[in-house]
Amino acid sequence: MQELYYTQSLNLASFLMAKGFSPVGKRKIERGVTIYFTKTDALHDAVREYNKNDELKKFISAFRELKNYLNNN
């Protein structure tokens, strides 16, 4: 049986998909969705890359701020 990696972060899931990883499942939860990927060393390397990428964090933060601004004004 294959081991799975899961996340509830759409940002991380999108990053992993952009890196070539395909989701293998999803599960709706009360406040969103859990997305599953096959757990591999390459996937963990990509997750580490995502977590260390300061420019990406700035972009995601700015994107959220802009969405909030547009939705509240």
C-alpha atoms as a PDB file:
ATOM      1  CA  MET A   1       0.000   0.000   0.000  1.00  0.00           C
ATOM      2  CA  GLN A   2       1.379   3.402  -0.950  1.00  0.00           C
ATOM      3  CA  GLU A   3       1.972   6.042   1.675  1.00  0.00           C
ATOM      4  CA  LEU A   4       0.194   9.344   1.191  1.00  0.00           C
ATOM      5  CA  TYR A   5       1.136  12.925   1.912  1.00  0.00           C
ATOM      6  CA  TYR A   6      -1.758  15.263   2.545  1.00  0.00           C
ATOM      7  CA  THR A   7      -2.322  18.977   2.820  1.00  0.00           C
ATOM      8  CA  GLN A   8      -5.235  21.330   3.298  1.00  0.00           C
ATOM      9  CA  SER A   9      -3.292  24.201   1.738  1.00  0.00           C
ATOM     10  CA  LEU A  10      -4.479  25.005  -1.759  1.00  0.00           C
ATOM     11  CA  ASN A  11      -1.326  27.063  -2.217  1.00  0.00           C
ATOM     12  CA  LEU A  12       0.959  24.127  -1.428  1.00  0.00           C
ATOM     13  CA  ALA A  13      -1.143  21.738  -3.514  1.00  0.00           C
ATOM     14  CA  SER A  14      -0.989  24.154  -6.462  1.00  0.00           C
ATOM     15  CA  PHE A  15       2.785  24.483  -6.066  1.00  0.00           C
ATOM     16  CA  LEU A  16       3.178  20.702  -6.029  1.00  0.00           C
ATOM     17  CA  MET A  17       1.021  20.375  -9.135  1.00  0.00           C
ATOM     18  CA  ALA A  18       3.111  23.048 -10.884  1.00  0.00           C
ATOM     19  CA  LYS A  19       6.164  20.930 -10.018  1.00  0.00           C
ATOM     20  CA  GLY A  20       4.579  17.947 -11.777  1.00  0.00           C
ATOM     21  CA  PHE A  21       2.986  16.054  -8.872  1.00  0.00           C
ATOM     22  CA  SER A  22      -0.589  14.906  -9.398  1.00  0.00           C
ATOM     23  CA  PRO A  23      -3.125  14.615  -6.604  1.00  0.00           C
ATOM     24  CA  VAL A  24      -4.277  11.050  -6.006  1.00  0.00           C
ATOM     25  CA  GLY A  25      -7.326  11.895  -3.937  1.00  0.00           C
ATOM     26  CA  LYS A  26      -9.346  14.498  -2.102  1.00  0.00           C
ATOM     27  CA  ARG A  27     -11.711  14.587   0.836  1.00  0.00           C
ATOM     28  CA  LYS A  28     -14.110  17.374   1.691  1.00  0.00           C
ATOM     29  CA  ILE A  29     -13.944  18.484   5.279  1.00  0.00           C
ATOM     30  CA  GLU A  30     -15.988  20.969   7.270  1.00  0.00           C
ATOM     31  CA  ARG A  31     -13.826  23.957   6.357  1.00  0.00           C
ATOM     32  CA  GLY A  32     -12.286  23.026   3.025  1.00  0.00           C
ATOM     33  CA  VAL A  33     -10.658  20.019   1.455  1.00  0.00           C
ATOM     34  CA  THR A  34      -7.774  17.659   2.141  1.00  0.00           C
ATOM     35  CA  ILE A  35      -5.681  16.882  -0.938  1.00  0.00           C
ATOM     36  CA  TYR A  36      -3.592  13.697  -1.132  1.00  0.00           C
ATOM     37  CA  PHE A  37      -0.363  13.037  -3.025  1.00  0.00           C
ATOM     38  CA  THR A  38       1.812   9.940  -3.238  1.00  0.00           C
ATOM     39  CA  LYS A  39       4.550  10.342  -0.627  1.00  0.00           C
ATOM     40  CA  THR A  40       8.009  10.316  -2.249  1.00  0.00           C
ATOM     41  CA  ASP A  41      11.403  11.819  -1.509  1.00  0.00           C
ATOM     42  CA  ALA A  42      10.955  14.138  -4.497  1.00  0.00           C
ATOM     43  CA  LEU A  43       7.627  15.351  -3.118  1.00  0.00           C
ATOM     44  CA  HIS A  44       9.212  16.082   0.262  1.00  0.00           C
ATOM     45  CA  ASP A  45      11.998  17.995  -1.501  1.00  0.00           C
ATOM     46  CA  ALA A  46       9.340  20.100  -3.251  1.00  0.00           C
ATOM     47  CA  VAL A  47       7.541  20.758   0.059  1.00  0.00           C
ATOM     48  CA  ARG A  48      10.842  21.918   1.586  1.00  0.00           C
ATOM     49  CA  GLU A  49      11.419  24.160  -1.439  1.00  0.00           C
ATOM     50  CA  TYR A  50       7.940  25.658  -0.974  1.00  0.00           C
ATOM     51  CA  ASN A  51       8.547  26.276   2.738  1.00  0.00           C
ATOM     52  CA  LYS A  52      11.907  27.991   2.129  1.00  0.00           C
ATOM     53  CA  ASN A  53      10.748  30.220  -0.751  1.00  0.00           C
ATOM     54  CA  ASP A  54      10.438  33.734   0.700  1.00  0.00           C
ATOM     55  CA  GLU A  55       9.327  35.321  -2.583  1.00  0.00           C
ATOM     56  CA  LEU A  56       6.508  32.809  -2.858  1.00  0.00           C
ATOM     57  CA  LYS A  57       5.418  33.553   0.720  1.00  0.00           C
ATOM     58  CA  LYS A  58       5.353  37.287  -0.092  1.00  0.00           C
ATOM     59  CA  PHE A  59       3.302  36.635  -3.224  1.00  0.00           C
ATOM     60  CA  ILE A  60       0.769  34.457  -1.376  1.00  0.00           C
ATOM     61  CA  SER A  61       0.443  37.051   1.387  1.00  0.00           C
ATOM     62  CA  ALA A  62      -0.065  39.875  -1.113  1.00  0.00           C
ATOM     63  CA  PHE A  63      -2.610  37.790  -3.028  1.00  0.00           C
ATOM     64  CA  ARG A  64      -4.623  37.193   0.162  1.00  0.00           C
ATOM     65  CA  GLU A  65      -4.455  40.885   1.075  1.00  0.00           C
ATOM     66  CA  LEU A  66      -5.699  41.861  -2.377  1.00  0.00           C
ATOM     67  CA  LYS A  67      -8.569  39.346  -2.202  1.00  0.00           C
ATOM     68  CA  ASN A  68      -9.590  40.703   1.204  1.00  0.00           C
ATOM     69  CA  TYR A  69      -9.388  44.273  -0.070  1.00  0.00           C
ATOM     70  CA  LEU A  70     -11.531  43.485  -3.115  1.00  0.00           C
ATOM     71  CA  ASN A  71     -14.096  41.522  -1.106  1.00  0.00           C
ATOM     72  CA  ASN A  72     -14.447  44.101   1.674  1.00  0.00           C
ATOM     73  CA  ASN A  73     -14.584  47.324  -0.349  1.00  0.00           C
END
